[in-house]
PDB file of N, CA and C in Angstrom:
ATOM      1  N   MET A   1      26.985  -2.186   5.002  1.00  0.00           N
ATOM      2  CA  MET A   1      26.007  -2.011   3.951  1.00  0.00           C
ATOM      3  C   MET A   1      25.136  -0.804   4.263  1.00  0.00           C
ATOM      4  N   LYS A   2      24.944   0.037   3.290  1.00  0.00           N
ATOM      5  CA  LYS A   2      24.056   1.180   3.412  1.00  0.00           C
ATOM      6  C   LYS A   2      22.632   0.693   3.161  1.00  0.00           C
ATOM      7  N   PHE A   3      21.688   1.122   3.999  1.00  0.00           N
ATOM      8  CA  PHE A   3      20.310   0.661   3.863  1.00  0.00           C
ATOM      9  C   PHE A   3      19.791   0.935   2.456  1.00  0.00           C
ATOM     10  N   GLY A   4      19.201  -0.072   1.820  1.00  0.00           N
ATOM     11  CA  GLY A   4      18.636   0.090   0.490  1.00  0.00           C
ATOM     12  C   GLY A   4      19.604  -0.170  -0.636  1.00  0.00           C
ATOM     13  N   SER A   5      20.840  -0.532  -0.319  1.00  0.00           N
ATOM     14  CA  SER A   5      21.803  -0.828  -1.382  1.00  0.00           C
ATOM     15  C   SER A   5      22.689  -1.986  -0.947  1.00  0.00           C
ATOM     16  N   VAL A   6      23.264  -2.639  -1.928  1.00  0.00           N
ATOM     17  CA  VAL A   6      24.188  -3.738  -1.654  1.00  0.00           C
ATOM     18  C   VAL A   6      25.442  -3.545  -2.494  1.00  0.00           C
ATOM     19  N   ASP A   7      26.543  -4.048  -1.990  1.00  0.00           N
ATOM     20  CA  ASP A   7      27.809  -3.914  -2.708  1.00  0.00           C
ATOM     21  C   ASP A   7      27.898  -4.861  -3.904  1.00  0.00           C
ATOM     22  N   THR A   8      27.282  -6.036  -3.781  1.00  0.00           N
ATOM     23  CA  THR A   8      27.367  -7.025  -4.859  1.00  0.00           C
ATOM     24  C   THR A   8      25.963  -7.522  -5.216  1.00  0.00           C
ATOM     25  N   PRO A   9      25.224  -6.785  -6.035  1.00  0.00           N
ATOM     26  CA  PRO A   9      23.852  -7.190  -6.364  1.00  0.00           C
ATOM     27  C   PRO A   9      23.775  -8.521  -7.098  1.00  0.00           C
ATOM     28  N   GLU A  10      24.852  -8.932  -7.738  1.00  0.00           N
ATOM     29  CA  GLU A  10      24.827 -10.215  -8.439  1.00  0.00           C
ATOM     30  C   GLU A  10      24.699 -11.384  -7.466  1.00  0.00           C
ATOM     31  N   ASN A  11      24.956 -11.151  -6.191  1.00  0.00           N
ATOM     32  CA  ASN A  11      24.829 -12.202  -5.182  1.00  0.00           C
ATOM     33  C   ASN A  11      23.462 -12.214  -4.499  1.00  0.00           C
ATOM     34  N   VAL A  12      22.581 -11.318  -4.881  1.00  0.00           N
ATOM     35  CA  VAL A  12      21.256 -11.241  -4.268  1.00  0.00           C
ATOM     36  C   VAL A  12      20.305 -12.182  -4.998  1.00  0.00           C
ATOM     37  N   ASP A  13      19.543 -12.943  -4.237  1.00  0.00           N
ATOM     38  CA  ASP A  13      18.546 -13.849  -4.816  1.00  0.00           C
ATOM     39  C   ASP A  13      17.244 -13.069  -5.008  1.00  0.00           C
ATOM     40  N   PHE A  14      16.941 -12.713  -6.247  1.00  0.00           N
ATOM     41  CA  PHE A  14      15.739 -11.948  -6.557  1.00  0.00           C
ATOM     42  C   PHE A  14      14.563 -12.838  -6.955  1.00  0.00           C
ATOM     43  N   SER A  15      14.685 -14.129  -6.758  1.00  0.00           N
ATOM     44  CA  SER A  15      13.593 -15.029  -7.138  1.00  0.00           C
ATOM     45  C   SER A  15      12.384 -14.797  -6.227  1.00  0.00           C
ATOM     46  N   ILE A  16      11.224 -15.036  -6.782  1.00  0.00           N
ATOM     47  CA  ILE A  16       9.977 -14.842  -6.041  1.00  0.00           C
ATOM     48  C   ILE A  16       9.617 -16.162  -5.371  1.00  0.00           C
ATOM     49  N   PRO A  17       9.309 -16.140  -4.078  1.00  0.00           N
ATOM     50  CA  PRO A  17       8.960 -17.388  -3.393  1.00  0.00           C
ATOM     51  C   PRO A  17       7.626 -17.937  -3.899  1.00  0.00           C
ATOM     52  N   ALA A  18       7.398 -19.197  -3.651  1.00  0.00           N
ATOM     53  CA  ALA A  18       6.137 -19.832  -4.047  1.00  0.00           C
ATOM     54  C   ALA A  18       4.968 -19.172  -3.323  1.00  0.00           C
ATOM     55  N   ASP A  19       3.821 -19.147  -3.985  1.00  0.00           N
ATOM     56  CA  ASP A  19       2.623 -18.586  -3.366  1.00  0.00           C
ATOM     57  C   ASP A  19       2.192 -19.424  -2.177  1.00  0.00           C
ATOM     58  N   HIS A  20       1.591 -18.760  -1.214  1.00  0.00           N
ATOM     59  CA  HIS A  20       0.976 -19.448  -0.088  1.00  0.00           C
ATOM     60  C   HIS A  20      -0.186 -20.275  -0.639  1.00  0.00           C
ATOM     61  N   PRO A  21      -0.441 -21.472  -0.115  1.00  0.00           N
ATOM     62  CA  PRO A  21      -1.536 -22.306  -0.632  1.00  0.00           C
ATOM     63  C   PRO A  21      -2.893 -21.593  -0.615  1.00  0.00           C
ATOM     64  N   GLY A  22      -3.094 -20.695   0.322  1.00  0.00           N
ATOM     65  CA  GLY A  22      -4.364 -19.977   0.397  1.00  0.00           C
ATOM     66  C   GLY A  22      -4.557 -18.970  -0.720  1.00  0.00           C
ATOM     67  N   THR A  23      -3.469 -18.567  -1.373  1.00  0.00           N
ATOM     68  CA  THR A  23      -3.570 -17.577  -2.444  1.00  0.00           C
ATOM     69  C   THR A  23      -4.387 -18.114  -3.606  1.00  0.00           C
ATOM     70  N   LYS A  24      -4.083 -19.325  -4.052  1.00  0.00           N
ATOM     71  CA  LYS A  24      -4.823 -19.926  -5.164  1.00  0.00           C
ATOM     72  C   LYS A  24      -6.295 -20.069  -4.806  1.00  0.00           C
ATOM     73  N   LYS A  25      -6.556 -20.489  -3.594  1.00  0.00           N
ATOM     74  CA  LYS A  25      -7.937 -20.667  -3.142  1.00  0.00           C
ATOM     75  C   LYS A  25      -8.684 -19.327  -3.163  1.00  0.00           C
ATOM     76  N   ALA A  26      -8.033 -18.271  -2.715  1.00  0.00           N
ATOM     77  CA  ALA A  26      -8.670 -16.950  -2.695  1.00  0.00           C
ATOM     78  C   ALA A  26      -8.958 -16.460  -4.109  1.00  0.00           C
ATOM     79  N   PHE A  27      -8.006 -16.624  -5.022  1.00  0.00           N
ATOM     80  CA  PHE A  27      -8.224 -16.181  -6.397  1.00  0.00           C
ATOM     81  C   PHE A  27      -9.317 -16.987  -7.083  1.00  0.00           C
ATOM     82  N   GLU A  28      -9.407 -18.278  -6.786  1.00  0.00           N
ATOM     83  CA  GLU A  28     -10.480 -19.092  -7.364  1.00  0.00           C
ATOM     84  C   GLU A  28     -11.839 -18.595  -6.891  1.00  0.00           C
ATOM     85  N   LYS A  29     -11.919 -18.193  -5.643  1.00  0.00           N
ATOM     86  CA  LYS A  29     -13.176 -17.653  -5.103  1.00  0.00           C
ATOM     87  C   LYS A  29     -13.568 -16.391  -5.867  1.00  0.00           C
ATOM     88  N   TYR A  30     -12.622 -15.494  -6.096  1.00  0.00           N
ATOM     89  CA  TYR A  30     -12.929 -14.262  -6.816  1.00  0.00           C
ATOM     90  C   TYR A  30     -13.316 -14.547  -8.263  1.00  0.00           C
ATOM     91  N   ARG A  31     -12.705 -15.537  -8.874  1.00  0.00           N
ATOM     92  CA  ARG A  31     -13.044 -15.893 -10.252  1.00  0.00           C
ATOM     93  C   ARG A  31     -14.494 -16.373 -10.313  1.00  0.00           C
ATOM     94  N   GLU A  32     -14.913 -17.177  -9.337  1.00  0.00           N
ATOM     95  CA  GLU A  32     -16.286 -17.675  -9.294  1.00  0.00           C
ATOM     96  C   GLU A  32     -17.278 -16.540  -9.092  1.00  0.00           C
ATOM     97  N   GLU A  33     -16.932 -15.573  -8.259  1.00  0.00           N
ATOM     98  CA  GLU A  33     -17.829 -14.454  -7.980  1.00  0.00           C
ATOM     99  C   GLU A  33     -17.822 -13.422  -9.102  1.00  0.00           C
ATOM    100  N   GLY A  34     -16.808 -13.466  -9.949  1.00  0.00           N
ATOM    101  CA  GLY A  34     -16.729 -12.543 -11.068  1.00  0.00           C
ATOM    102  C   GLY A  34     -16.297 -11.138 -10.705  1.00  0.00           C
ATOM    103  N   LYS A  35     -15.673 -10.980  -9.557  1.00  0.00           N
ATOM    104  CA  LYS A  35     -15.199  -9.646  -9.184  1.00  0.00           C
ATOM    105  C   LYS A  35     -13.897  -9.759  -8.401  1.00  0.00           C
ATOM    106  N   PHE A  36     -13.129  -8.714  -8.506  1.00  0.00           N
ATOM    107  CA  PHE A  36     -11.866  -8.644  -7.784  1.00  0.00           C
ATOM    108  C   PHE A  36     -11.556  -7.172  -7.580  1.00  0.00           C
ATOM    109  N   SER A  37     -11.327  -6.757  -6.370  1.00  0.00           N
ATOM    110  CA  SER A  37     -11.068  -5.349  -6.070  1.00  0.00           C
ATOM    111  C   SER A  37      -9.630  -5.161  -5.617  1.00  0.00           C
ATOM    112  N   VAL A  38      -9.047  -4.077  -6.061  1.00  0.00           N
ATOM    113  CA  VAL A  38      -7.711  -3.696  -5.624  1.00  0.00           C
ATOM    114  C   VAL A  38      -7.823  -2.325  -4.987  1.00  0.00           C
ATOM    115  N   TYR A  39      -7.298  -2.179  -3.795  1.00  0.00           N
ATOM    116  CA  TYR A  39      -7.336  -0.910  -3.085  1.00  0.00           C
ATOM    117  C   TYR A  39      -5.936  -0.326  -3.054  1.00  0.00           C
ATOM    118  N   VAL A  40      -5.808   0.901  -3.514  1.00  0.00           N
ATOM    119  CA  VAL A  40      -4.508   1.551  -3.624  1.00  0.00           C
ATOM    120  C   VAL A  40      -4.520   2.829  -2.811  1.00  0.00           C
ATOM    121  N   GLY A  41      -3.474   3.057  -2.049  1.00  0.00           N
ATOM    122  CA  GLY A  41      -3.361   4.283  -1.276  1.00  0.00           C
ATOM    123  C   GLY A  41      -1.927   4.492  -0.836  1.00  0.00           C
ATOM    124  N   CYS A  42      -1.702   5.584  -0.169  1.00  0.00           N
ATOM    125  CA  CYS A  42      -0.372   5.910   0.346  1.00  0.00           C
ATOM    126  C   CYS A  42      -0.325   5.629   1.843  1.00  0.00           C
ATOM    127  N   ALA A  43       0.859   5.419   2.342  1.00  0.00           N
ATOM    128  CA  ALA A  43       1.016   5.151   3.765  1.00  0.00           C
ATOM    129  C   ALA A  43       0.684   6.377   4.604  1.00  0.00           C
ATOM    130  N   LYS A  44       0.846   7.552   4.031  1.00  0.00           N
ATOM    131  CA  LYS A  44       0.531   8.799   4.738  1.00  0.00           C
ATOM    132  C   LYS A  44      -0.198   9.718   3.779  1.00  0.00           C
ATOM    133  N   TRP A  45      -0.967  10.641   4.320  1.00  0.00           N
ATOM    134  CA  TRP A  45      -1.721  11.515   3.431  1.00  0.00           C
ATOM    135  C   TRP A  45      -1.620  12.985   3.793  1.00  0.00           C
ATOM    136  N   ASN A  46      -0.797  13.346   4.781  1.00  0.00           N
ATOM    137  CA  ASN A  46      -0.736  14.767   5.132  1.00  0.00           C
ATOM    138  C   ASN A  46       0.148  15.544   4.159  1.00  0.00           C
ATOM    139  N   LYS A  47       0.027  16.836   4.196  1.00  0.00           N
ATOM    140  CA  LYS A  47       0.647  17.704   3.192  1.00  0.00           C
ATOM    141  C   LYS A  47       2.172  17.576   3.129  1.00  0.00           C
ATOM    142  N   ALA A  48       2.841  17.467   4.258  1.00  0.00           N
ATOM    143  CA  ALA A  48       4.307  17.401   4.256  1.00  0.00           C
ATOM    144  C   ALA A  48       4.812  16.147   3.543  1.00  0.00           C
ATOM    145  N   ASP A  49       4.149  15.021   3.757  1.00  0.00           N
ATOM    146  CA  ASP A  49       4.592  13.769   3.152  1.00  0.00           C
ATOM    147  C   ASP A  49       4.298  13.687   1.660  1.00  0.00           C
ATOM    148  N   LEU A  50       3.280  14.378   1.201  1.00  0.00           N
ATOM    149  CA  LEU A  50       2.902  14.326  -0.214  1.00  0.00           C
ATOM    150  C   LEU A  50       3.071  15.689  -0.874  1.00  0.00           C
ATOM    151  N   LYS A  51       4.146  16.365  -0.547  1.00  0.00           N
ATOM    152  CA  LYS A  51       4.418  17.679  -1.132  1.00  0.00           C
ATOM    153  C   LYS A  51       4.427  17.564  -2.659  1.00  0.00           C
ATOM    154  N   GLY A  52       3.704  18.432  -3.310  1.00  0.00           N
ATOM    155  CA  GLY A  52       3.600  18.403  -4.758  1.00  0.00           C
ATOM    156  C   GLY A  52       2.422  17.586  -5.262  1.00  0.00           C
ATOM    157  N   PHE A  53       1.806  16.802  -4.403  1.00  0.00           N
ATOM    158  CA  PHE A  53       0.642  16.002  -4.787  1.00  0.00           C
ATOM    159  C   PHE A  53      -0.628  16.840  -4.752  1.00  0.00           C
ATOM    160  N   TYR A  54      -0.765  17.654  -3.706  1.00  0.00           N
ATOM    161  CA  TYR A  54      -1.977  18.455  -3.543  1.00  0.00           C
ATOM    162  C   TYR A  54      -1.905  19.729  -4.371  1.00  0.00           C
ATOM    163  N   PRO A  55      -3.010  20.114  -5.014  1.00  0.00           N
ATOM    164  CA  PRO A  55      -3.026  21.385  -5.740  1.00  0.00           C
ATOM    165  C   PRO A  55      -2.851  22.551  -4.772  1.00  0.00           C
ATOM    166  N   ARG A  56      -2.263  23.603  -5.247  1.00  0.00           N
ATOM    167  CA  ARG A  56      -2.071  24.794  -4.422  1.00  0.00           C
ATOM    168  C   ARG A  56      -3.429  25.294  -3.923  1.00  0.00           C
ATOM    169  N   GLY A  57      -3.496  25.600  -2.649  1.00  0.00           N
ATOM    170  CA  GLY A  57      -4.698  26.167  -2.054  1.00  0.00           C
ATOM    171  C   GLY A  57      -5.719  25.160  -1.552  1.00  0.00           C
ATOM    172  N   VAL A  58      -5.461  23.864  -1.703  1.00  0.00           N
ATOM    173  CA  VAL A  58      -6.425  22.884  -1.213  1.00  0.00           C
ATOM    174  C   VAL A  58      -6.537  23.016   0.303  1.00  0.00           C
ATOM    175  N   LYS A  59      -7.760  23.028   0.809  1.00  0.00           N
ATOM    176  CA  LYS A  59      -7.982  23.251   2.242  1.00  0.00           C
ATOM    177  C   LYS A  59      -8.088  21.935   3.023  1.00  0.00           C
ATOM    178  N   ASP A  60      -8.667  20.925   2.432  1.00  0.00           N
ATOM    179  CA  ASP A  60      -8.859  19.652   3.129  1.00  0.00           C
ATOM    180  C   ASP A  60      -8.080  18.562   2.383  1.00  0.00           C
ATOM    181  N   GLU A  61      -6.900  18.243   2.904  1.00  0.00           N
ATOM    182  CA  GLU A  61      -6.037  17.274   2.228  1.00  0.00           C
ATOM    183  C   GLU A  61      -6.688  15.901   2.102  1.00  0.00           C
ATOM    184  N   LEU A  62      -7.336  15.428   3.170  1.00  0.00           N
ATOM    185  CA  LEU A  62      -7.939  14.098   3.124  1.00  0.00           C
ATOM    186  C   LEU A  62      -9.072  14.041   2.102  1.00  0.00           C
ATOM    187  N   GLU A  63      -9.852  15.084   2.014  1.00  0.00           N
ATOM    188  CA  GLU A  63     -10.949  15.111   1.036  1.00  0.00           C
ATOM    189  C   GLU A  63     -10.401  15.023  -0.394  1.00  0.00           C
ATOM    190  N   TYR A  64      -9.354  15.785  -0.689  1.00  0.00           N
ATOM    191  CA  TYR A  64      -8.750  15.719  -2.023  1.00  0.00           C
ATOM    192  C   TYR A  64      -8.121  14.349  -2.258  1.00  0.00           C
ATOM    193  N   TYR A  65      -7.396  13.849  -1.269  1.00  0.00           N
ATOM    194  CA  TYR A  65      -6.757  12.537  -1.363  1.00  0.00           C
ATOM    195  C   TYR A  65      -7.786  11.475  -1.745  1.00  0.00           C
ATOM    196  N   ALA A  66      -8.970  11.543  -1.130  1.00  0.00           N
ATOM    197  CA  ALA A  66     -10.021  10.553  -1.377  1.00  0.00           C
ATOM    198  C   ALA A  66     -10.541  10.597  -2.806  1.00  0.00           C
ATOM    199  N   THR A  67     -10.334  11.698  -3.514  1.00  0.00           N
ATOM    200  CA  THR A  67     -10.737  11.753  -4.921  1.00  0.00           C
ATOM    201  C   THR A  67      -9.721  11.053  -5.819  1.00  0.00           C
ATOM    202  N   GLN A  68      -8.534  10.784  -5.306  1.00  0.00           N
ATOM    203  CA  GLN A  68      -7.469  10.182  -6.099  1.00  0.00           C
ATOM    204  C   GLN A  68      -7.222   8.707  -5.760  1.00  0.00           C
ATOM    205  N   PHE A  69      -7.459   8.325  -4.510  1.00  0.00           N
ATOM    206  CA  PHE A  69      -7.202   6.967  -4.041  1.00  0.00           C
ATOM    207  C   PHE A  69      -8.444   6.417  -3.364  1.00  0.00           C
ATOM    208  N   ASN A  70      -8.530   5.084  -3.258  1.00  0.00           N
ATOM    209  CA  ASN A  70      -9.690   4.482  -2.607  1.00  0.00           C
ATOM    210  C   ASN A  70      -9.361   3.863  -1.249  1.00  0.00           C
ATOM    211  N   SER A  71      -8.197   4.200  -0.687  1.00  0.00           N
ATOM    212  CA  SER A  71      -7.866   3.702   0.647  1.00  0.00           C
ATOM    213  C   SER A  71      -6.762   4.548   1.267  1.00  0.00           C
ATOM    214  N   ILE A  72      -6.664   4.455   2.598  1.00  0.00           N
ATOM    215  CA  ILE A  72      -5.565   5.077   3.327  1.00  0.00           C
ATOM    216  C   ILE A  72      -5.044   4.053   4.326  1.00  0.00           C
ATOM    217  N   GLU A  73      -3.850   4.276   4.815  1.00  0.00           N
ATOM    218  CA  GLU A  73      -3.331   3.443   5.887  1.00  0.00           C
ATOM    219  C   GLU A  73      -3.786   4.063   7.201  1.00  0.00           C
ATOM    220  N   LEU A  74      -4.413   3.263   8.033  1.00  0.00           N
ATOM    221  CA  LEU A  74      -4.820   3.715   9.358  1.00  0.00           C
ATOM    222  C   LEU A  74      -4.107   2.831  10.364  1.00  0.00           C
ATOM    223  N   ASN A  75      -3.060   3.348  10.941  1.00  0.00           N
ATOM    224  CA  ASN A  75      -2.222   2.565  11.828  1.00  0.00           C
ATOM    225  C   ASN A  75      -2.631   2.790  13.280  1.00  0.00           C
ATOM    226  N   ALA A  76      -3.906   2.572  13.575  1.00  0.00           N
ATOM    227  CA  ALA A  76      -4.410   2.805  14.924  1.00  0.00           C
ATOM    228  C   ALA A  76      -3.804   1.838  15.935  1.00  0.00           C
ATOM    229  N   THR A  77      -3.450   0.641  15.504  1.00  0.00           N
ATOM    230  CA  THR A  77      -2.890  -0.328  16.453  1.00  0.00           C
ATOM    231  C   THR A  77      -1.504   0.083  16.920  1.00  0.00           C
ATOM    232  N   PHE A  78      -0.885   1.047  16.264  1.00  0.00           N
ATOM    233  CA  PHE A  78       0.400   1.559  16.730  1.00  0.00           C
ATOM    234  C   PHE A  78       0.240   2.171  18.118  1.00  0.00           C
ATOM    235  N   TYR A  79      -0.897   2.790  18.359  1.00  0.00           N
ATOM    236  CA  TYR A  79      -1.141   3.478  19.627  1.00  0.00           C
ATOM    237  C   TYR A  79      -1.721   2.547  20.682  1.00  0.00           C
ATOM    238  N   ARG A  80      -2.662   1.708  20.293  1.00  0.00           N
ATOM    239  CA  ARG A  80      -3.194   0.690  21.196  1.00  0.00           C
ATOM    240  C   ARG A  80      -4.105  -0.239  20.414  1.00  0.00           C
ATOM    241  N   ILE A  81      -4.286  -1.444  20.917  1.00  0.00           N
ATOM    242  CA  ILE A  81      -5.201  -2.401  20.299  1.00  0.00           C
ATOM    243  C   ILE A  81      -6.549  -2.228  20.972  1.00  0.00           C
ATOM    244  N   PHE A  82      -7.569  -1.998  20.170  1.00  0.00           N
ATOM    245  CA  PHE A  82      -8.901  -1.772  20.718  1.00  0.00           C
ATOM    246  C   PHE A  82      -9.533  -3.093  21.134  1.00  0.00           C
ATOM    247  N   PRO A  83     -10.316  -3.056  22.232  1.00  0.00           N
ATOM    248  CA  PRO A  83     -10.942  -4.299  22.717  1.00  0.00           C
ATOM    249  C   PRO A  83     -12.014  -4.801  21.776  1.00  0.00           C
TER     250      PRO A  83
END
């Protein structure tokens, strides 16, 4: 099998599993508070990974990125877990 593809997609179970019991509880909390936030961002933000995203001549990629998204992935634990 080639990664990302299957020979017989009709044999793949695409059903969505049941929600974790904590999911309903979390959504009920947000309903009571009257707010719910969604944070969207890319896994990487440097110029090579987002070629075509940044306008020509932009000097600070992260600053521009922050005008378009409200979060970034910070994978600091990849290097070490902080005490």
